[in-house]
C-alpha atoms as a PDB file:
ATOM      1  CA  MET A   1     -25.162 -21.641  -9.907  1.00  0.00           C
ATOM      2  CA  ASN A   2     -26.819 -18.606  -8.104  1.00  0.00           C
ATOM      3  CA  ALA A   3     -24.631 -15.248  -9.134  1.00  0.00           C
ATOM      4  CA  GLN A   4     -24.361 -14.851  -5.306  1.00  0.00           C
ATOM      5  CA  ASP A   5     -22.243 -17.781  -4.955  1.00  0.00           C
ATOM      6  CA  ARG A   6     -19.497 -15.670  -7.508  1.00  0.00           C
ATOM      7  CA  TYR A   7     -16.240 -14.238  -6.092  1.00  0.00           C
ATOM      8  CA  LEU A   8     -13.484 -12.173  -7.579  1.00  0.00           C
ATOM      9  CA  LEU A   9     -10.036 -12.612  -6.385  1.00  0.00           C
ATOM     10  CA  ALA A  10      -8.140  -9.561  -5.764  1.00  0.00           C
ATOM     11  CA  ILE A  11      -4.545  -9.602  -5.616  1.00  0.00           C
ATOM     12  CA  ASP A  12      -2.458  -6.816  -4.163  1.00  0.00           C
ATOM     13  CA  GLN A  13       1.401  -7.450  -4.889  1.00  0.00           C
ATOM     14  CA  GLY A  14       2.984  -4.344  -2.585  1.00  0.00           C
ATOM     15  CA  THR A  15       6.051  -3.738  -1.729  1.00  0.00           C
ATOM     16  CA  THR A  16       6.585  -5.316   1.527  1.00  0.00           C
ATOM     17  CA  GLY A  17       4.225  -7.831   1.576  1.00  0.00           C
ATOM     18  CA  THR A  18       0.889 -10.123  -0.617  1.00  0.00           C
ATOM     19  CA  THR A  19      -2.256  -9.718  -0.344  1.00  0.00           C
ATOM     20  CA  MET A  20      -5.309 -11.511  -1.741  1.00  0.00           C
ATOM     21  CA  LEU A  21      -9.161 -10.827  -1.035  1.00  0.00           C
ATOM     22  CA  LEU A  22     -12.038 -13.195  -1.710  1.00  0.00           C
ATOM     23  CA  VAL A  23     -14.683 -10.882  -2.314  1.00  0.00           C
ATOM     24  CA  ASN A  24     -18.351 -11.861  -3.380  1.00  0.00           C
ATOM     25  CA  THR A  25     -21.120 -10.133  -5.306  1.00  0.00           C
ATOM     26  CA  HIS A  26     -21.942  -7.995  -2.437  1.00  0.00           C
ATOM     27  CA  GLY A  27     -18.674  -6.409  -1.942  1.00  0.00           C
ATOM     28  CA  GLU A  28     -18.467  -8.275   1.236  1.00  0.00           C
ATOM     29  CA  VAL A  29     -14.795  -9.910   2.033  1.00  0.00           C
ATOM     30  CA  ARG A  30     -15.240 -13.366   2.339  1.00  0.00           C
ATOM     31  CA  HIS A  31     -11.280 -13.673   3.177  1.00  0.00           C
ATOM     32  CA  LYS A  32      -8.070 -12.512   3.332  1.00  0.00           C
ATOM     33  CA  TYR A  33      -4.686 -13.778   3.777  1.00  0.00           C
ATOM     34  CA  TYR A  34      -1.303 -11.320   4.127  1.00  0.00           C
ATOM     35  CA  ARG A  35       2.260 -12.377   3.815  1.00  0.00           C
ATOM     36  CA  THR A  36       5.377 -10.689   4.114  1.00  0.00           C
ATOM     37  CA  PHE A  37       8.474 -11.308   2.255  1.00  0.00           C
ATOM     38  CA  PRO A  38      12.554 -10.792   2.878  1.00  0.00           C
ATOM     39  CA  GLN A  39      14.017  -6.645   1.295  1.00  0.00           C
ATOM     40  CA  SER A  40      16.978  -7.027   0.162  1.00  0.00           C
ATOM     41  CA  TYR A  41      20.138  -4.533   0.463  1.00  0.00           C
ATOM     42  CA  PRO A  42      23.169  -5.737  -1.013  1.00  0.00           C
ATOM     43  CA  GLN A  43      24.355  -1.743  -0.782  1.00  0.00           C
ATOM     44  CA  PRO A  44      23.084   1.346   0.906  1.00  0.00           C
ATOM     45  CA  GLY A  45      20.745   2.661  -1.064  1.00  0.00           C
ATOM     46  CA  TRP A  46      19.909  -0.649  -3.117  1.00  0.00           C
ATOM     47  CA  VAL A  47      16.978  -2.402  -2.894  1.00  0.00           C
ATOM     48  CA  GLU A  48      16.412  -5.592  -4.346  1.00  0.00           C
ATOM     49  CA  HIS A  49      13.034  -8.173  -4.053  1.00  0.00           C
ATOM     50  CA  ASP A  50      13.577 -12.022  -5.294  1.00  0.00           C
ATOM     51  CA  PRO A  51      10.369 -12.315  -8.052  1.00  0.00           C
ATOM     52  CA  GLU A  52      10.572 -16.117  -7.354  1.00  0.00           C
ATOM     53  CA  VAL A  53       9.638 -15.734  -3.880  1.00  0.00           C
ATOM     54  CA  ILE A  54       6.845 -12.846  -4.278  1.00  0.00           C
ATOM     55  CA  TRP A  55       5.439 -15.085  -7.100  1.00  0.00           C
ATOM     56  CA  GLU A  56       5.294 -17.644  -3.837  1.00  0.00           C
ATOM     57  CA  THR A  57       3.641 -15.862  -1.955  1.00  0.00           C
ATOM     58  CA  VAL A  58       1.216 -15.772  -4.374  1.00  0.00           C
ATOM     59  CA  ARG A  59       0.834 -19.282  -4.939  1.00  0.00           C
ATOM     60  CA  ALA A  60       0.259 -19.694  -1.437  1.00  0.00           C
ATOM     61  CA  GLY A  61      -2.742 -17.237  -1.376  1.00  0.00           C
ATOM     62  CA  ILE A  62      -4.115 -19.222  -3.733  1.00  0.00           C
ATOM     63  CA  LYS A  63      -3.950 -22.266  -1.811  1.00  0.00           C
ATOM     64  CA  GLU A  64      -5.228 -21.301   0.743  1.00  0.00           C
ATOM     65  CA  ILE A  65      -7.919 -20.140  -0.666  1.00  0.00           C
ATOM     66  CA  LEU A  66      -9.200 -23.116  -2.479  1.00  0.00           C
ATOM     67  CA  ALA A  67      -8.850 -24.977   0.828  1.00  0.00           C
ATOM     68  CA  LEU A  68     -11.288 -22.941   2.180  1.00  0.00           C
ATOM     69  CA  PRO A  69     -14.717 -25.067   2.881  1.00  0.00           C
ATOM     70  CA  PHE A  70     -17.053 -22.232   0.861  1.00  0.00           C
ATOM     71  CA  VAL A  71     -14.948 -22.222  -2.350  1.00  0.00           C
ATOM     72  CA  GLU A  72     -14.783 -23.819  -5.276  1.00  0.00           C
ATOM     73  CA  ALA A  73     -12.174 -22.825  -8.004  1.00  0.00           C
ATOM     74  CA  ASP A  74     -15.272 -23.089 -10.611  1.00  0.00           C
ATOM     75  CA  GLN A  75     -16.791 -20.553  -8.681  1.00  0.00           C
ATOM     76  CA  LEU A  76     -14.014 -17.668  -8.812  1.00  0.00           C
ATOM     77  CA  ALA A  77     -15.411 -15.164 -12.118  1.00  0.00           C
ATOM     78  CA  ALA A  78     -12.491 -13.390 -12.570  1.00  0.00           C
ATOM     79  CA  ILE A  79      -8.887 -12.097 -11.542  1.00  0.00           C
ATOM     80  CA  GLY A  80      -7.882  -8.772 -10.495  1.00  0.00           C
ATOM     81  CA  ILE A  81      -4.182  -7.654  -9.960  1.00  0.00           C
ATOM     82  CA  THR A  82      -2.688  -4.330  -8.584  1.00  0.00           C
ATOM     83  CA  ASN A  83       0.921  -4.217  -7.961  1.00  0.00           C
ATOM     84  CA  GLN A  84       3.644  -1.814  -6.215  1.00  0.00           C
ATOM     85  CA  ARG A  85       5.169   0.518  -9.218  1.00  0.00           C
ATOM     86  CA  GLU A  86       8.280   0.590 -11.116  1.00  0.00           C
ATOM     87  CA  THR A  87       9.794  -2.652  -9.767  1.00  0.00           C
ATOM     88  CA  VAL A  88      11.278  -4.374 -12.687  1.00  0.00           C
ATOM     89  CA  VAL A  89      12.055  -7.790 -13.361  1.00  0.00           C
ATOM     90  CA  VAL A  90      13.776  -9.174 -16.387  1.00  0.00           C
ATOM     91  CA  TRP A  91      13.559 -12.368 -17.381  1.00  0.00           C
ATOM     92  CA  ASP A  92      14.607 -15.257 -19.769  1.00  0.00           C
ATOM     93  CA  ARG A  93      11.573 -15.704 -22.416  1.00  0.00           C
ATOM     94  CA  ARG A  94      11.592 -19.393 -22.936  1.00  0.00           C
ATOM     95  CA  THR A  95      12.216 -20.835 -19.255  1.00  0.00           C
ATOM     96  CA  GLY A  96      10.530 -17.756 -17.254  1.00  0.00           C
ATOM     97  CA  VAL A  97      13.975 -17.889 -14.994  1.00  0.00           C
ATOM     98  CA  PRO A  98      14.276 -14.133 -13.610  1.00  0.00           C
ATOM     99  CA  ILE A  99      18.436 -13.133 -14.748  1.00  0.00           C
ATOM    100  CA  TYR A 100      18.549 -10.563 -11.506  1.00  0.00           C
ATOM    101  CA  PRO A 101      16.649 -10.069  -9.024  1.00  0.00           C
ATOM    102  CA  ALA A 102      14.206  -7.669  -8.975  1.00  0.00           C
ATOM    103  CA  ILE A 103      14.888  -3.891  -8.646  1.00  0.00           C
ATOM    104  CA  VAL A 104      12.492  -2.312  -6.736  1.00  0.00           C
ATOM    105  CA  TRP A 105      10.781   1.294  -7.024  1.00  0.00           C
ATOM    106  CA  GLN A 106      12.868   2.646  -3.923  1.00  0.00           C
ATOM    107  CA  CYS A 107      16.215   1.683  -5.199  1.00  0.00           C
ATOM    108  CA  ARG A 108      18.652   4.279  -5.922  1.00  0.00           C
ATOM    109  CA  ARG A 109      21.685   2.641  -7.893  1.00  0.00           C
ATOM    110  CA  THR A 110      21.095   3.962 -10.980  1.00  0.00           C
ATOM    111  CA  SER A 111      21.095   7.538  -9.409  1.00  0.00           C
ATOM    112  CA  ASP A 112      24.607   8.954 -11.087  1.00  0.00           C
ATOM    113  CA  TYR A 113      23.347   8.257 -14.736  1.00  0.00           C
ATOM    114  CA  CYS A 114      20.097  10.152 -13.909  1.00  0.00           C
ATOM    115  CA  THR A 115      22.191  13.609 -12.994  1.00  0.00           C
ATOM    116  CA  GLN A 116      24.518  12.895 -15.875  1.00  0.00           C
ATOM    117  CA  LEU A 117      21.306  13.008 -18.395  1.00  0.00           C
ATOM    118  CA  ASN A 118      19.625  15.497 -16.185  1.00  0.00           C
ATOM    119  CA  ALA A 119      23.346  17.633 -16.944  1.00  0.00           C
ATOM    120  CA  GLU A 120      22.857  16.692 -20.671  1.00  0.00           C
ATOM    121  CA  GLY A 121      19.895  18.855 -20.565  1.00  0.00           C
ATOM    122  CA  LEU A 122      17.214  16.169 -21.207  1.00  0.00           C
ATOM    123  CA  ASN A 123      15.022  16.276 -18.244  1.00  0.00           C
ATOM    124  CA  SER A 124      12.235  19.119 -20.459  1.00  0.00           C
ATOM    125  CA  TRP A 125      12.196  16.533 -23.067  1.00  0.00           C
ATOM    126  CA  VAL A 126      12.084  13.349 -21.063  1.00  0.00           C
ATOM    127  CA  THR A 127       8.849  14.735 -19.055  1.00  0.00           C
ATOM    128  CA  GLU A 128       7.006  16.115 -21.835  1.00  0.00           C
ATOM    129  CA  LYS A 129       6.535  12.321 -23.347  1.00  0.00           C
ATOM    130  CA  THR A 130       6.294  10.836 -20.339  1.00  0.00           C
ATOM    131  CA  GLY A 131       4.597  13.306 -17.512  1.00  0.00           C
ATOM    132  CA  LEU A 132       7.945  12.182 -15.703  1.00  0.00           C
ATOM    133  CA  ARG A 133      11.326  13.196 -14.827  1.00  0.00           C
ATOM    134  CA  ILE A 134      14.096  11.922 -15.023  1.00  0.00           C
ATOM    135  CA  ASP A 135      15.006   9.761 -11.090  1.00  0.00           C
ATOM    136  CA  PRO A 136      16.465   6.724 -10.187  1.00  0.00           C
ATOM    137  CA  TYR A 137      12.493   5.690  -8.892  1.00  0.00           C
ATOM    138  CA  PHE A 138      11.408   5.144 -12.795  1.00  0.00           C
ATOM    139  CA  SER A 139      11.202   1.912 -14.319  1.00  0.00           C
ATOM    140  CA  ALA A 140      13.939   2.743 -17.410  1.00  0.00           C
ATOM    141  CA  THR A 141      17.210   2.863 -15.438  1.00  0.00           C
ATOM    142  CA  LYS A 142      16.426   0.218 -13.763  1.00  0.00           C
ATOM    143  CA  ILE A 143      16.619  -2.272 -16.841  1.00  0.00           C
ATOM    144  CA  LYS A 144      19.352  -0.292 -18.616  1.00  0.00           C
ATOM    145  CA  TRP A 145      21.042  -1.267 -15.234  1.00  0.00           C
ATOM    146  CA  ILE A 146      20.940  -4.728 -14.949  1.00  0.00           C
ATOM    147  CA  LEU A 147      21.187  -5.203 -19.466  1.00  0.00           C
ATOM    148  CA  ASP A 148      24.626  -3.174 -19.091  1.00  0.00           C
ATOM    149  CA  HIS A 149      25.753  -5.511 -15.526  1.00  0.00           C
ATOM    150  CA  VAL A 150      24.513  -8.879 -16.048  1.00  0.00           C
ATOM    151  CA  PRO A 151      27.490 -10.087 -18.082  1.00  0.00           C
ATOM    152  CA  GLY A 152      25.657 -11.304 -21.621  1.00  0.00           C
ATOM    153  CA  ALA A 153      22.522  -9.526 -21.174  1.00  0.00           C
ATOM    154  CA  ARG A 154      22.374  -6.979 -23.534  1.00  0.00           C
ATOM    155  CA  GLU A 155      23.465 -10.048 -26.385  1.00  0.00           C
ATOM    156  CA  ARG A 156      20.627 -11.960 -25.205  1.00  0.00           C
ATOM    157  CA  ALA A 157      18.337  -9.381 -24.925  1.00  0.00           C
ATOM    158  CA  ARG A 158      19.157  -8.042 -28.733  1.00  0.00           C
ATOM    159  CA  GLN A 159      18.255 -11.576 -30.032  1.00  0.00           C
ATOM    160  CA  GLY A 160      14.881 -11.380 -28.262  1.00  0.00           C
ATOM    161  CA  GLU A 161      15.828 -14.156 -25.748  1.00  0.00           C
ATOM    162  CA  LEU A 162      14.949 -11.457 -22.661  1.00  0.00           C
ATOM    163  CA  ILE A 163      11.821  -9.960 -21.812  1.00  0.00           C
ATOM    164  CA  CYS A 164      10.679  -7.560 -18.763  1.00  0.00           C
ATOM    165  CA  GLY A 165       8.205  -6.491 -17.591  1.00  0.00           C
ATOM    166  CA  THR A 166       6.568  -4.700 -13.794  1.00  0.00           C
ATOM    167  CA  ILE A 167       5.366  -6.830 -11.416  1.00  0.00           C
ATOM    168  CA  ASP A 168       1.963  -6.917 -12.435  1.00  0.00           C
ATOM    169  CA  THR A 169       3.942  -8.454 -15.959  1.00  0.00           C
ATOM    170  CA  TRP A 170       5.604 -10.662 -14.265  1.00  0.00           C
ATOM    171  CA  LEU A 171       2.755 -12.166 -11.812  1.00  0.00           C
ATOM    172  CA  ILE A 172       0.697 -12.306 -15.329  1.00  0.00           C
ATOM    173  CA  TRP A 173       3.783 -14.394 -16.552  1.00  0.00           C
ATOM    174  CA  LYS A 174       3.637 -16.356 -13.702  1.00  0.00           C
ATOM    175  CA  LEU A 175      -0.259 -16.993 -13.961  1.00  0.00           C
ATOM    176  CA  THR A 176      -0.985 -18.035 -17.876  1.00  0.00           C
ATOM    177  CA  GLY A 177       2.164 -20.117 -17.890  1.00  0.00           C
ATOM    178  CA  GLY A 178       3.996 -17.380 -20.011  1.00  0.00           C
ATOM    179  CA  GLU A 179       0.962 -17.455 -22.305  1.00  0.00           C
ATOM    180  CA  SER A 180       0.395 -13.550 -21.605  1.00  0.00           C
ATOM    181  CA  HIS A 181       3.009 -10.919 -22.044  1.00  0.00           C
ATOM    182  CA  VAL A 182       1.442  -7.468 -21.050  1.00  0.00           C
ATOM    183  CA  THR A 183       0.671  -4.964 -18.945  1.00  0.00           C
ATOM    184  CA  ASP A 184      -1.830  -2.033 -18.340  1.00  0.00           C
ATOM    185  CA  TYR A 185      -1.567   1.888 -19.070  1.00  0.00           C
ATOM    186  CA  SER A 186      -1.142   2.956 -15.447  1.00  0.00           C
ATOM    187  CA  ASN A 187       1.618   0.350 -15.224  1.00  0.00           C
ATOM    188  CA  ALA A 188       4.005   1.280 -18.572  1.00  0.00           C
ATOM    189  CA  SER A 189       3.089   5.226 -17.548  1.00  0.00           C
ATOM    190  CA  ARG A 190       4.958   5.043 -14.780  1.00  0.00           C
ATOM    191  CA  THR A 191       8.470   3.272 -16.740  1.00  0.00           C
ATOM    192  CA  LEU A 192       9.702   6.332 -18.112  1.00  0.00           C
ATOM    193  CA  LEU A 193       9.467   4.636 -21.578  1.00  0.00           C
ATOM    194  CA  PHE A 194       5.873   5.035 -22.146  1.00  0.00           C
ATOM    195  CA  ASN A 195       4.187   8.590 -24.287  1.00  0.00           C
ATOM    196  CA  ILE A 196       1.702   9.164 -22.227  1.00  0.00           C
ATOM    197  CA  HIS A 197       0.071  11.682 -24.669  1.00  0.00           C
ATOM    198  CA  ARG A 198       0.007   7.986 -27.759  1.00  0.00           C
ATOM    199  CA  ARG A 199      -0.315   5.782 -25.133  1.00  0.00           C
ATOM    200  CA  ALA A 200       2.614   3.421 -26.696  1.00  0.00           C
ATOM    201  CA  TRP A 201       6.335   3.107 -25.997  1.00  0.00           C
ATOM    202  CA  ASP A 202       8.364   5.934 -27.289  1.00  0.00           C
ATOM    203  CA  GLN A 203      10.871   4.801 -29.755  1.00  0.00           C
ATOM    204  CA  ASP A 204      13.224   8.067 -28.801  1.00  0.00           C
ATOM    205  CA  LEU A 205      13.123   6.999 -25.117  1.00  0.00           C
ATOM    206  CA  LEU A 206      13.979   3.217 -25.863  1.00  0.00           C
ATOM    207  CA  GLU A 207      17.032   4.152 -28.170  1.00  0.00           C
ATOM    208  CA  LYS A 208      18.037   6.706 -25.296  1.00  0.00           C
ATOM    209  CA  PHE A 209      18.074   3.633 -23.239  1.00  0.00           C
ATOM    210  CA  ALA A 210      19.106   1.148 -25.361  1.00  0.00           C
ATOM    211  CA  ILE A 211      16.703  -0.872 -24.195  1.00  0.00           C
ATOM    212  CA  PRO A 212      15.137  -3.467 -27.450  1.00  0.00           C
ATOM    213  CA  GLY A 213      11.610  -2.847 -27.857  1.00  0.00           C
ATOM    214  CA  THR A 214      10.823  -6.460 -28.085  1.00  0.00           C
ATOM    215  CA  MET A 215      11.468  -7.126 -23.962  1.00  0.00           C
ATOM    216  CA  LEU A 216       8.727  -4.974 -23.060  1.00  0.00           C
ATOM    217  CA  PRO A 217       5.148  -5.688 -22.994  1.00  0.00           C
ATOM    218  CA  GLU A 218       1.637  -5.314 -24.705  1.00  0.00           C
ATOM    219  CA  VAL A 219       0.090  -2.322 -22.703  1.00  0.00           C
ATOM    220  CA  LYS A 220      -4.169  -3.428 -22.952  1.00  0.00           C
ATOM    221  CA  PRO A 221      -7.157  -1.116 -21.215  1.00  0.00           C
ATOM    222  CA  SER A 222      -7.239  -1.017 -17.351  1.00  0.00           C
ATOM    223  CA  VAL A 223     -10.317  -3.083 -18.033  1.00  0.00           C
ATOM    224  CA  GLY A 224     -10.258  -5.793 -20.425  1.00  0.00           C
ATOM    225  CA  PHE A 225      -8.507  -9.430 -20.829  1.00  0.00           C
ATOM    226  CA  PHE A 226      -5.049  -9.788 -19.465  1.00  0.00           C
ATOM    227  CA  GLY A 227      -5.751 -13.698 -20.395  1.00  0.00           C
ATOM    228  CA  VAL A 228      -6.036 -16.808 -17.888  1.00  0.00           C
ATOM    229  CA  THR A 229      -4.771 -19.149 -15.368  1.00  0.00           C
ATOM    230  CA  GLU A 230      -2.726 -22.168 -16.577  1.00  0.00           C
ATOM    231  CA  THR A 231      -5.312 -24.756 -15.256  1.00  0.00           C
ATOM    232  CA  PRO A 232      -3.181 -26.469 -12.410  1.00  0.00           C
ATOM    233  CA  LEU A 233      -3.000 -23.614 -10.238  1.00  0.00           C
ATOM    234  CA  PHE A 234      -6.993 -23.038  -9.622  1.00  0.00           C
ATOM    235  CA  GLY A 235      -8.379 -26.664 -11.804  1.00  0.00           C
ATOM    236  CA  ARG A 236      -9.739 -24.702 -14.485  1.00  0.00           C
ATOM    237  CA  PRO A 237      -9.168 -21.107 -16.565  1.00  0.00           C
ATOM    238  CA  ILE A 238      -9.580 -17.763 -14.121  1.00  0.00           C
ATOM    239  CA  PRO A 239      -9.518 -15.004 -16.617  1.00  0.00           C
ATOM    240  CA  ILE A 240      -7.544 -12.091 -15.200  1.00  0.00           C
ATOM    241  CA  THR A 241      -9.564  -9.106 -16.288  1.00  0.00           C
ATOM    242  CA  GLY A 242      -8.502  -5.773 -14.509  1.00  0.00           C
ATOM    243  CA  VAL A 243      -5.155  -4.453 -13.712  1.00  0.00           C
ATOM    244  CA  LEU A 244      -3.941  -1.003 -12.331  1.00  0.00           C
ATOM    245  CA  GLY A 245      -1.108   0.436 -10.606  1.00  0.00           C
ATOM    246  CA  ASP A 246      -1.009   0.321  -6.595  1.00  0.00           C
ATOM    247  CA  GLN A 247      -1.639   4.300  -6.393  1.00  0.00           C
ATOM    248  CA  GLN A 248      -4.037   4.469  -9.202  1.00  0.00           C
ATOM    249  CA  ALA A 249      -6.070   1.526  -7.888  1.00  0.00           C
ATOM    250  CA  ALA A 250      -6.600   3.064  -4.828  1.00  0.00           C
ATOM    251  CA  LEU A 251      -7.744   6.762  -6.297  1.00  0.00           C
ATOM    252  CA  PHE A 252     -10.315   4.257  -8.460  1.00  0.00           C
ATOM    253  CA  GLY A 253     -11.205   2.314  -5.283  1.00  0.00           C
ATOM    254  CA  GLN A 254     -11.759   4.892  -2.850  1.00  0.00           C
ATOM    255  CA  GLY A 255     -14.220   6.662  -5.475  1.00  0.00           C
ATOM    256  CA  CYS A 256     -12.332   9.669  -6.885  1.00  0.00           C
ATOM    257  CA  LEU A 257     -13.861   9.099 -10.359  1.00  0.00           C
ATOM    258  CA  GLU A 258     -14.353  12.498 -11.197  1.00  0.00           C
ATOM    259  CA  PRO A 259     -11.637  15.821 -12.135  1.00  0.00           C
ATOM    260  CA  GLY A 260     -10.507  17.141  -8.895  1.00  0.00           C
ATOM    261  CA  SER A 261     -10.714  14.506  -6.501  1.00  0.00           C
ATOM    262  CA  MET A 262      -8.398  12.547  -4.601  1.00  0.00           C
ATOM    263  CA  LYS A 263      -7.046  10.764  -2.353  1.00  0.00           C
ATOM    264  CA  ASN A 264      -3.602  10.674   0.163  1.00  0.00           C
ATOM    265  CA  THR A 265      -2.677   6.799   1.136  1.00  0.00           C
ATOM    266  CA  TYR A 266      -0.024   5.910   3.548  1.00  0.00           C
ATOM    267  CA  GLY A 267       1.594   2.734   3.131  1.00  0.00           C
ATOM    268  CA  THR A 268       6.275   1.936   2.311  1.00  0.00           C
ATOM    269  CA  GLY A 269       5.519   5.547   0.917  1.00  0.00           C
ATOM    270  CA  CYS A 270       3.080   7.957   0.553  1.00  0.00           C
ATOM    271  CA  PHE A 271       0.860   8.715  -2.320  1.00  0.00           C
ATOM    272  CA  LEU A 272      -1.649  12.051  -3.376  1.00  0.00           C
ATOM    273  CA  LEU A 273      -3.307  11.516  -6.460  1.00  0.00           C
ATOM    274  CA  MET A 274      -5.485  14.035  -8.452  1.00  0.00           C
ATOM    275  CA  ASN A 275      -7.784  12.471 -10.852  1.00  0.00           C
ATOM    276  CA  THR A 276      -7.579  15.495 -13.699  1.00  0.00           C
ATOM    277  CA  GLY A 277      -9.977  13.316 -16.465  1.00  0.00           C
ATOM    278  CA  GLU A 278      -9.081  13.232 -19.619  1.00  0.00           C
ATOM    279  CA  LYS A 279      -6.538  16.567 -19.464  1.00  0.00           C
ATOM    280  CA  CYS A 280      -3.057  15.886 -18.944  1.00  0.00           C
ATOM    281  CA  TYR A 281      -2.037  18.556 -17.234  1.00  0.00           C
ATOM    282  CA  PRO A 282       2.266  19.389 -17.015  1.00  0.00           C
ATOM    283  CA  PRO A 283       3.848  18.295 -14.366  1.00  0.00           C
ATOM    284  CA  GLU A 284       5.145  21.149 -11.881  1.00  0.00           C
ATOM    285  CA  TYR A 285       5.971  22.568  -8.424  1.00  0.00           C
ATOM    286  CA  GLY A 286       7.509  18.409  -7.799  1.00  0.00           C
ATOM    287  CA  LEU A 287       4.444  16.512  -8.925  1.00  0.00           C
ATOM    288  CA  LEU A 288       4.415  13.827 -11.705  1.00  0.00           C
ATOM    289  CA  SER A 289       1.928  13.617 -14.314  1.00  0.00           C
ATOM    290  CA  SER A 290       0.870   9.613 -14.902  1.00  0.00           C
ATOM    291  CA  ILE A 291      -2.582   7.370 -16.620  1.00  0.00           C
ATOM    292  CA  GLY A 292      -4.195   6.884 -14.124  1.00  0.00           C
ATOM    293  CA  TRP A 293      -6.709   4.309 -16.504  1.00  0.00           C
ATOM    294  CA  VAL A 294      -7.597   3.531 -19.547  1.00  0.00           C
ATOM    295  CA  ILE A 295     -11.323   2.378 -19.811  1.00  0.00           C
ATOM    296  CA  GLY A 296     -12.616   1.578 -23.434  1.00  0.00           C
ATOM    297  CA  ASP A 297     -11.174   4.529 -25.282  1.00  0.00           C
ATOM    298  CA  GLN A 298     -11.350   6.812 -22.809  1.00  0.00           C
ATOM    299  CA  THR A 299      -7.980   7.559 -20.841  1.00  0.00           C
ATOM    300  CA  THR A 300      -8.014   9.088 -16.882  1.00  0.00           C
ATOM    301  CA  TYR A 301      -4.742  11.068 -16.190  1.00  0.00           C
ATOM    302  CA  VAL A 302      -3.636  12.047 -12.718  1.00  0.00           C
ATOM    303  CA  LEU A 303      -1.302  14.430 -11.199  1.00  0.00           C
ATOM    304  CA  GLU A 304       0.704  12.610  -8.037  1.00  0.00           C
ATOM    305  CA  GLY A 305       3.096  13.719  -5.220  1.00  0.00           C
ATOM    306  CA  SER A 306       5.309  10.824  -3.705  1.00  0.00           C
ATOM    307  CA  VAL A 307       7.009  10.627  -0.497  1.00  0.00           C
ATOM    308  CA  PHE A 308       9.550   7.388  -1.004  1.00  0.00           C
ATOM    309  CA  VAL A 309       9.601   6.565   2.670  1.00  0.00           C
ATOM    310  CA  GLY A 310       6.255   6.306   4.693  1.00  0.00           C
ATOM    311  CA  GLY A 311       5.629   2.857   6.468  1.00  0.00           C
ATOM    312  CA  ALA A 312       8.856   1.476   5.280  1.00  0.00           C
ATOM    313  CA  VAL A 313      10.991   3.618   8.165  1.00  0.00           C
ATOM    314  CA  VAL A 314       9.013   1.700  10.491  1.00  0.00           C
ATOM    315  CA  LYS A 315      10.357  -1.627   8.951  1.00  0.00           C
ATOM    316  CA  TRP A 316      14.015   0.164   8.591  1.00  0.00           C
ATOM    317  CA  LEU A 317      14.172   1.069  12.486  1.00  0.00           C
ATOM    318  CA  ARG A 318      13.246  -2.404  13.352  1.00  0.00           C
ATOM    319  CA  ASP A 319      15.128  -4.617  10.923  1.00  0.00           C
ATOM    320  CA  GLN A 320      17.914  -3.019  10.163  1.00  0.00           C
ATOM    321  CA  LEU A 321      19.291  -0.098  13.067  1.00  0.00           C
ATOM    322  CA  GLY A 322      17.387  -2.864  15.933  1.00  0.00           C
ATOM    323  CA  LEU A 323      15.777   0.025  18.272  1.00  0.00           C
ATOM    324  CA  ILE A 324      12.702  -1.293  18.159  1.00  0.00           C
ATOM    325  CA  THR A 325      11.682  -5.201  18.049  1.00  0.00           C
ATOM    326  CA  GLU A 326       7.947  -5.201  17.210  1.00  0.00           C
ATOM    327  CA  ALA A 327       6.293  -2.470  14.779  1.00  0.00           C
ATOM    328  CA  THR A 328       3.658  -2.037  17.502  1.00  0.00           C
ATOM    329  CA  GLU A 329       6.362  -0.145  19.611  1.00  0.00           C
ATOM    330  CA  THR A 330       6.622   3.007  17.237  1.00  0.00           C
ATOM    331  CA  GLU A 331       3.052   4.533  18.472  1.00  0.00           C
ATOM    332  CA  VAL A 332       4.921   4.009  22.332  1.00  0.00           C
ATOM    333  CA  LEU A 333       7.618   5.907  21.153  1.00  0.00           C
ATOM    334  CA  ALA A 334       5.773   8.951  19.423  1.00  0.00           C
ATOM    335  CA  ARG A 335       3.214   9.006  22.098  1.00  0.00           C
ATOM    336  CA  SER A 336       6.224   9.652  24.449  1.00  0.00           C
ATOM    337  CA  SER A 337       7.265  12.848  22.604  1.00  0.00           C
ATOM    338  CA  PRO A 338       5.596  15.800  23.760  1.00  0.00           C
ATOM    339  CA  ASP A 339       6.356  17.599  20.285  1.00  0.00           C
END
């Protein structure tokens, strides 16, 4: 087979939909798949996803790509994954069944607990370790909430029956048939449980949030080997060789590889990231510090400014308020305003 007949499969699992791209050796997108999935708002300020539905959007994309007349499974060289960050799933280690819906990064259900932690004066302690601040945005308080509110979950977690992860970890688990429980440094750095200076899960934080370390995935460099897909999915094993959280992936993908370069992207939210190289700056002025990526043993850090609600407001106007029936109507309405 000629090298030019080989493809990379990129999976972008976002907050409101899943995109998959089939990319050839010239960097050309030969096929694009996109499918939305439902958002659940069980209470004001709460946002949930069904992890199994997310997985089904990926399975459907795989089927669509394998049905293309110009693609055979043995032409797929590797899979890369980028994902909505901070959103977490807790599932049974043996059966692979989630014990509760995925709690989405936008969800504010743990606000009172975060207020309590801040009142205890813990924010600077947490920030020094993680580059983040105590906020419902991040994964740790979401995991704790699930363990505290699902009957029997905390005891099952102590006994090693439950594991957890961000969406990249969930998808890799499903793709590999439960063989790989892994994540990369960019995603781990957004959990509020990861020491970004030591590049390791932080035992003090795990104890503070009462989360057993046995639940957490192994952390790997962003470019490397994350496992192979189980044979029935493609008819042959395909290696998973790249994982990045969505905003770090956008920074990398837009070529911001030198310290001082930055990007701003507009999606469900709006995110400004700046590459700070091997120097991790203390987060100030409302910014956050995170790991951008790790390649080999070299760590690239970022500073980030986050706006939670960007494009998501259009979905809210349509699906919750019913002010519009199609997203495209927002442009007409916006242009009708003189200011």
